[in-house]
Protein backbone atom coordinates (compact mmCIF):
# COMPACT_ATOMS: atom_id res chain seq x y z
CA MET A 1 85.27 34.84 110.12
CA ARG A 2 82.78 37.51 111.01
CA LEU A 3 85.48 39.17 113.11
CA LEU A 4 87.64 40.05 110.12
CA PRO A 5 85.50 42.92 108.76
CA LEU A 6 85.19 44.36 112.29
CA LEU A 7 88.96 44.14 112.86
CA ALA A 8 89.56 45.84 109.54
CA LEU A 9 87.29 48.72 110.52
CA LEU A 10 89.01 49.13 113.87
CA LEU A 11 92.46 49.14 112.27
CA ALA A 12 91.30 51.75 109.75
CA ALA A 13 89.95 53.95 112.53
CA CYS A 14 93.21 53.73 114.47
CA THR A 15 95.39 54.62 111.50
CA ALA A 16 93.20 57.37 110.04
CA SER A 17 94.34 60.96 110.52
CA PRO A 18 92.47 62.81 113.25
CA PRO A 19 90.06 65.53 112.10
CA PRO A 20 91.64 68.99 111.86
CA ALA A 21 91.27 71.15 114.96
CA PRO A 22 88.83 74.02 114.54
CA GLU A 23 90.46 77.34 113.81
CA ARG A 24 90.72 79.67 116.77
CA PRO A 25 88.83 82.91 116.22
CA PRO A 26 90.98 86.06 116.15
CA GLY A 27 89.85 87.11 119.60
CA GLY A 28 90.06 83.75 121.24
CA SER A 29 87.10 81.76 122.50
CA GLY A 30 85.10 81.95 125.68
CA LEU A 31 85.04 84.69 128.29
CA PRO A 32 88.08 86.49 129.67
CA GLY A 33 89.78 84.78 132.58
CA PRO A 34 89.27 85.99 136.16
CA GLY A 35 92.48 88.01 136.11
CA ALA A 36 91.53 89.73 132.87
CA ALA A 37 88.10 90.54 134.27
CA ARG A 38 89.64 92.02 137.43
CA LEU A 39 92.01 94.19 135.39
CA ALA A 40 89.18 95.58 133.27
CA ALA A 41 87.12 96.22 136.43
CA ALA A 42 90.04 98.02 138.09
CA ALA A 43 90.43 100.30 135.06
CA GLU A 44 86.72 101.06 135.03
CA ARG A 45 86.73 101.97 138.73
CA GLU A 46 89.48 104.50 138.15
CA TRP A 47 87.69 105.88 135.11
CA ARG A 48 84.51 106.47 137.11
CA ASP A 49 86.46 108.24 139.85
CA TRP A 50 87.80 110.66 137.23
CA GLY A 51 84.29 111.57 136.11
CA SER A 52 83.54 108.87 133.52
CA ILE A 53 84.96 110.87 130.61
CA ALA A 54 84.46 108.99 127.33
CA VAL A 55 85.20 109.92 123.72
CA GLU A 56 84.97 108.46 120.24
CA GLY A 57 88.17 107.81 118.33
CA TRP A 58 91.10 110.16 118.69
CA PRO A 59 89.88 113.44 120.18
CA ALA A 60 91.54 116.83 120.27
CA ALA A 61 92.56 118.52 123.51
CA PRO A 62 89.61 119.17 125.83
CA GLU A 63 88.36 122.64 126.56
CA ARG A 64 89.06 122.18 130.26
CA VAL A 65 91.02 119.72 132.35
CA PRO A 66 89.71 118.86 135.85
CA ASP A 67 91.12 120.76 138.79
CA ALA A 68 93.68 119.04 140.97
CA SER A 69 91.23 118.40 143.77
CA PRO A 70 92.64 116.68 146.86
CA ALA A 71 90.90 113.46 145.82
CA LEU A 72 92.26 113.43 142.26
CA PHE A 73 95.72 114.51 143.35
CA GLU A 74 95.93 111.69 145.90
CA ARG A 75 94.63 109.23 143.32
CA LEU A 76 97.44 110.24 140.98
CA MET A 77 99.94 109.81 143.81
CA GLY A 78 98.54 106.31 144.27
CA TYR A 79 99.39 105.49 140.66
CA TRP A 80 102.96 106.63 141.16
CA ALA A 81 103.20 104.65 144.39
CA ALA A 82 102.75 101.47 142.33
CA THR A 83 106.05 102.05 140.49
CA PRO A 84 109.70 101.82 141.60
CA GLU A 85 110.22 105.39 140.43
CA GLY A 86 107.23 106.63 142.38
CA PRO A 87 108.70 107.96 145.67
CA GLU A 88 110.85 110.59 143.96
CA VAL A 89 108.00 111.73 141.70
CA ILE A 90 105.54 111.88 144.59
CA GLU A 91 107.91 114.03 146.64
CA ALA A 92 108.42 116.44 143.73
CA HIS A 93 104.68 116.70 143.01
CA ARG A 94 103.79 117.34 146.65
CA HIS A 95 106.43 120.05 146.91
CA PHE A 96 105.22 121.67 143.70
CA ARG A 97 101.58 121.54 144.82
CA ASP A 98 102.35 123.04 148.22
CA THR A 99 104.41 125.79 146.62
CA ILE A 100 101.86 126.93 144.05
CA THR A 101 98.80 126.59 146.28
CA ALA A 102 100.14 128.22 149.44
CA PRO A 103 99.00 131.86 149.70
CA PRO A 104 101.77 134.41 150.27
CA ALA A 105 102.36 135.53 153.85
CA GLU A 106 101.10 139.06 153.17
CA SER A 107 97.74 137.73 151.94
CA ALA A 108 96.48 137.35 155.50
CA SER A 109 96.12 141.06 156.17
CA LEU A 110 93.53 143.80 156.43
CA ASP A 111 91.22 144.71 153.59
CA PRO A 112 92.10 148.31 152.59
CA VAL A 113 88.42 149.21 152.17
CA SER A 114 86.64 147.47 155.03
CA GLY A 115 89.59 147.19 157.39
CA LEU A 116 88.63 143.57 158.05
CA PRO A 117 91.14 140.70 157.89
CA PHE A 118 91.05 138.53 154.79
CA THR A 119 92.93 135.61 153.29
CA VAL A 120 93.69 135.14 149.61
CA VAL A 121 92.32 131.85 148.30
CA PRO A 122 94.82 130.32 145.82
CA ALA A 123 93.63 129.82 142.26
CA ASN A 124 92.53 126.36 141.19
CA VAL A 125 95.32 124.21 139.77
CA SER A 126 94.64 121.99 136.77
CA MET A 127 95.60 118.30 136.79
CA ALA A 128 97.62 119.17 133.68
CA ALA A 129 100.15 120.77 136.04
CA PHE A 130 101.13 117.25 137.13
CA ASN A 131 101.48 115.54 133.74
CA THR A 132 105.28 115.61 133.78
CA PRO A 133 106.59 113.00 134.01
CA ALA A 134 103.87 111.24 132.05
CA TRP A 135 101.84 108.92 134.26
CA SER A 136 100.15 106.56 131.78
CA ALA A 137 102.51 103.67 132.61
CA ALA A 138 102.04 104.34 136.32
CA PHE A 139 98.28 104.02 135.74
CA VAL A 140 98.70 100.60 134.12
CA SER A 141 101.04 99.51 136.92
CA HIS A 142 98.48 100.57 139.54
CA ALA A 143 95.61 98.78 137.75
CA MET A 144 97.66 95.58 137.53
CA ALA A 145 98.40 95.74 141.26
CA ALA A 146 94.74 96.49 142.07
CA ALA A 147 93.74 93.42 140.05
CA GLY A 148 96.30 91.28 141.88
CA LEU A 149 98.12 90.28 138.69
CA PRO A 150 101.81 89.32 138.45
CA PHE A 151 103.42 92.27 136.70
CA SER A 152 106.71 94.17 136.76
CA PRO A 153 105.61 97.77 137.35
CA SER A 154 107.41 100.65 135.71
CA ALA A 155 106.99 104.33 134.94
CA SER A 156 107.95 103.44 131.35
CA HIS A 157 105.69 101.48 129.02
CA ALA A 158 108.75 100.40 127.02
CA LEU A 159 110.33 98.65 130.00
CA TYR A 160 107.31 96.62 131.05
CA VAL A 161 106.54 95.84 127.40
CA ASP A 162 110.04 94.35 127.13
CA ARG A 163 109.40 92.23 130.21
CA LEU A 164 106.05 90.98 128.92
CA ILE A 165 107.62 90.04 125.58
CA GLY A 166 110.59 88.39 127.30
CA ASN A 167 108.32 86.34 129.57
CA ALA A 168 106.24 85.20 126.60
CA LEU A 169 109.28 84.11 124.61
CA ALA A 170 110.81 82.30 127.58
CA ASP A 171 107.62 80.46 128.57
CA PRO A 172 104.88 80.65 125.90
CA GLU A 173 102.63 78.23 127.76
CA GLY A 174 102.94 79.77 131.20
CA ALA A 175 103.22 83.49 130.42
CA GLY A 176 100.37 85.64 131.66
CA PHE A 177 100.44 87.88 128.57
CA LEU A 178 101.16 86.88 124.98
CA PRO A 179 102.03 89.47 122.29
CA HIS A 180 100.11 89.48 119.01
CA ALA A 181 100.14 91.70 115.96
CA PRO A 182 97.01 93.90 115.97
CA ALA A 183 96.02 92.40 112.62
CA GLU A 184 96.10 88.89 114.10
CA ARG A 185 94.12 89.22 117.32
CA ALA A 186 90.83 90.87 118.13
CA PRO A 187 91.30 92.39 121.60
CA ARG A 188 89.19 91.16 124.49
CA SER A 189 88.39 92.68 127.85
CA GLY A 190 91.51 92.68 130.02
CA ASP A 191 93.98 92.76 127.12
CA LEU A 192 96.57 95.53 126.68
CA VAL A 193 96.77 97.51 123.45
CA CYS A 194 99.99 99.46 122.89
CA ALA A 195 100.90 102.20 120.43
CA ASP A 196 104.30 103.60 119.48
CA ARG A 197 104.46 107.40 119.81
CA SER A 198 107.96 107.81 118.38
CA ALA A 199 108.80 109.59 115.11
CA ALA A 200 109.76 106.25 113.52
CA PRO A 201 107.22 103.76 114.96
CA LEU A 202 107.90 100.06 115.27
CA ALA A 203 106.47 97.93 112.49
CA ASP A 204 105.48 95.21 114.97
CA TRP A 205 106.34 93.87 118.41
CA GLN A 206 109.10 91.62 117.03
CA ALA A 207 110.98 94.73 115.92
CA ARG A 208 111.27 95.73 119.56
CA LEU A 209 113.55 92.75 120.22
CA ALA A 210 116.46 94.48 118.47
CA GLU A 211 116.34 97.41 120.90
CA ALA A 212 115.06 95.82 124.13
CA GLY A 213 115.99 97.89 127.15
CA TRP A 214 116.10 101.20 125.28
CA PHE A 215 113.56 103.88 126.00
CA ARG A 216 110.91 104.50 123.37
CA PRO A 217 107.80 106.66 123.82
CA MET A 218 104.78 104.37 123.97
CA HIS A 219 101.27 104.31 125.34
CA CYS A 220 99.21 101.30 126.44
CA ASP A 221 95.48 101.14 127.23
CA ILE A 222 93.48 98.48 129.04
CA VAL A 223 90.65 96.98 126.98
CA VAL A 224 87.34 96.99 128.86
CA ARG A 225 84.85 96.13 126.12
CA ALA A 226 85.09 94.71 122.61
CA GLU A 227 82.03 94.13 120.48
CA GLY A 228 79.92 95.66 117.76
CA GLY A 229 82.79 96.68 115.51
CA ALA A 230 84.51 98.73 118.19
CA VAL A 231 87.00 98.35 121.03
CA GLU A 232 86.69 100.39 124.22
CA MET A 233 89.92 101.09 126.09
CA ILE A 234 90.81 103.00 129.24
CA GLY A 235 94.16 104.69 129.71
CA GLY A 236 95.78 107.16 132.05
CA ASN A 237 97.25 110.56 131.19
CA VAL A 238 95.15 110.71 128.00
CA LEU A 239 94.21 114.38 127.64
CA ASP A 240 95.50 114.72 131.23
CA VAL A 241 92.81 112.42 132.69
CA VAL A 242 91.82 108.76 132.87
CA LEU A 243 89.93 108.47 129.61
CA ARG A 244 87.75 105.85 127.96
CA ARG A 245 88.11 105.72 124.19
CA ARG A 246 86.00 103.85 121.68
CA VAL A 247 88.00 103.05 118.56
CA PRO A 248 86.84 101.24 115.41
CA ALA A 249 87.43 97.56 114.65
CA ASP A 250 86.71 95.38 111.63
CA ALA A 251 83.96 92.79 111.32
CA GLU A 252 86.08 90.23 113.18
CA GLY A 253 86.88 92.63 116.01
CA ARG A 254 90.47 93.47 115.04
CA LEU A 255 91.60 97.04 115.53
CA LEU A 256 91.57 99.26 112.47
CA PRO A 257 94.69 101.42 111.96
CA PRO A 258 94.53 104.86 113.56
CA PRO A 259 94.60 107.97 111.38
CA PRO A 260 98.04 108.66 109.86
CA GLU A 261 98.77 111.48 112.30
CA ARG A 262 98.11 109.25 115.32
CA ALA A 263 100.41 106.74 117.00
CA PRO A 264 99.97 103.30 115.37
CA PHE A 265 99.18 100.18 117.36
CA PHE A 266 102.04 97.66 117.29
CA VAL A 267 100.99 94.97 119.76
CA VAL A 268 97.98 93.48 121.50
CA PHE A 269 98.90 91.61 124.69
CA GLU A 270 96.51 88.72 125.23
CA ASN A 271 95.67 88.50 128.94
CA ARG A 272 95.67 84.80 129.87
CA LEU A 273 95.33 85.26 133.63
């Protein structure tokens, strides 16, 4: 008879509802995965090679853009090489550079005062001379390749954003990147944060589904640090350089809306790699 109370307890334990799962914090738990860490590291390497330029918030145009040194020019060509559209852009940029930097034939002549031969040295060319077409999506494509992540590169943010969203909807469990509303996820290192630069910005990433495949001006940055009420992101072709920006976040780490005159964030892609 002593077994009856014990059996009753066991049956009660088996039929009782399991305890509720703990809520997942807005930014997820634990450290970024190895792929996310590699992506953030790749972005930081590029940033250092551009001179480690960092700003707070949404800055105005800089007083001076770096010169198109051979090293920076070739680095930019490397970004374009990571995209399907790259070969045509690279050819055009190289032709333009060679045209504007080559001294005219008559420059190698005699100085009228000293009578000695001289050569005109071409003026320095700013990196801003190579910002058309915009290369911010090429920068992201290059960083993804450098990190060894599966990614469909493109010279257009809109096109790879569509692919990331499509992959997530088709395979939510296996997709490398999951879209979230900025108000729902605190970005972590290795995530992508995207803003809509059009005159009529998207309300959220779901709104993009109705126009998938169409061009829309966007910009995406790679998150490299998120703590202390701020998110630090690195992007290409920001003020004509690779720039690190520190933007404000709320107490839970979620991005605060940009100023009204700035492009609003519409999606945070969680990096699950």
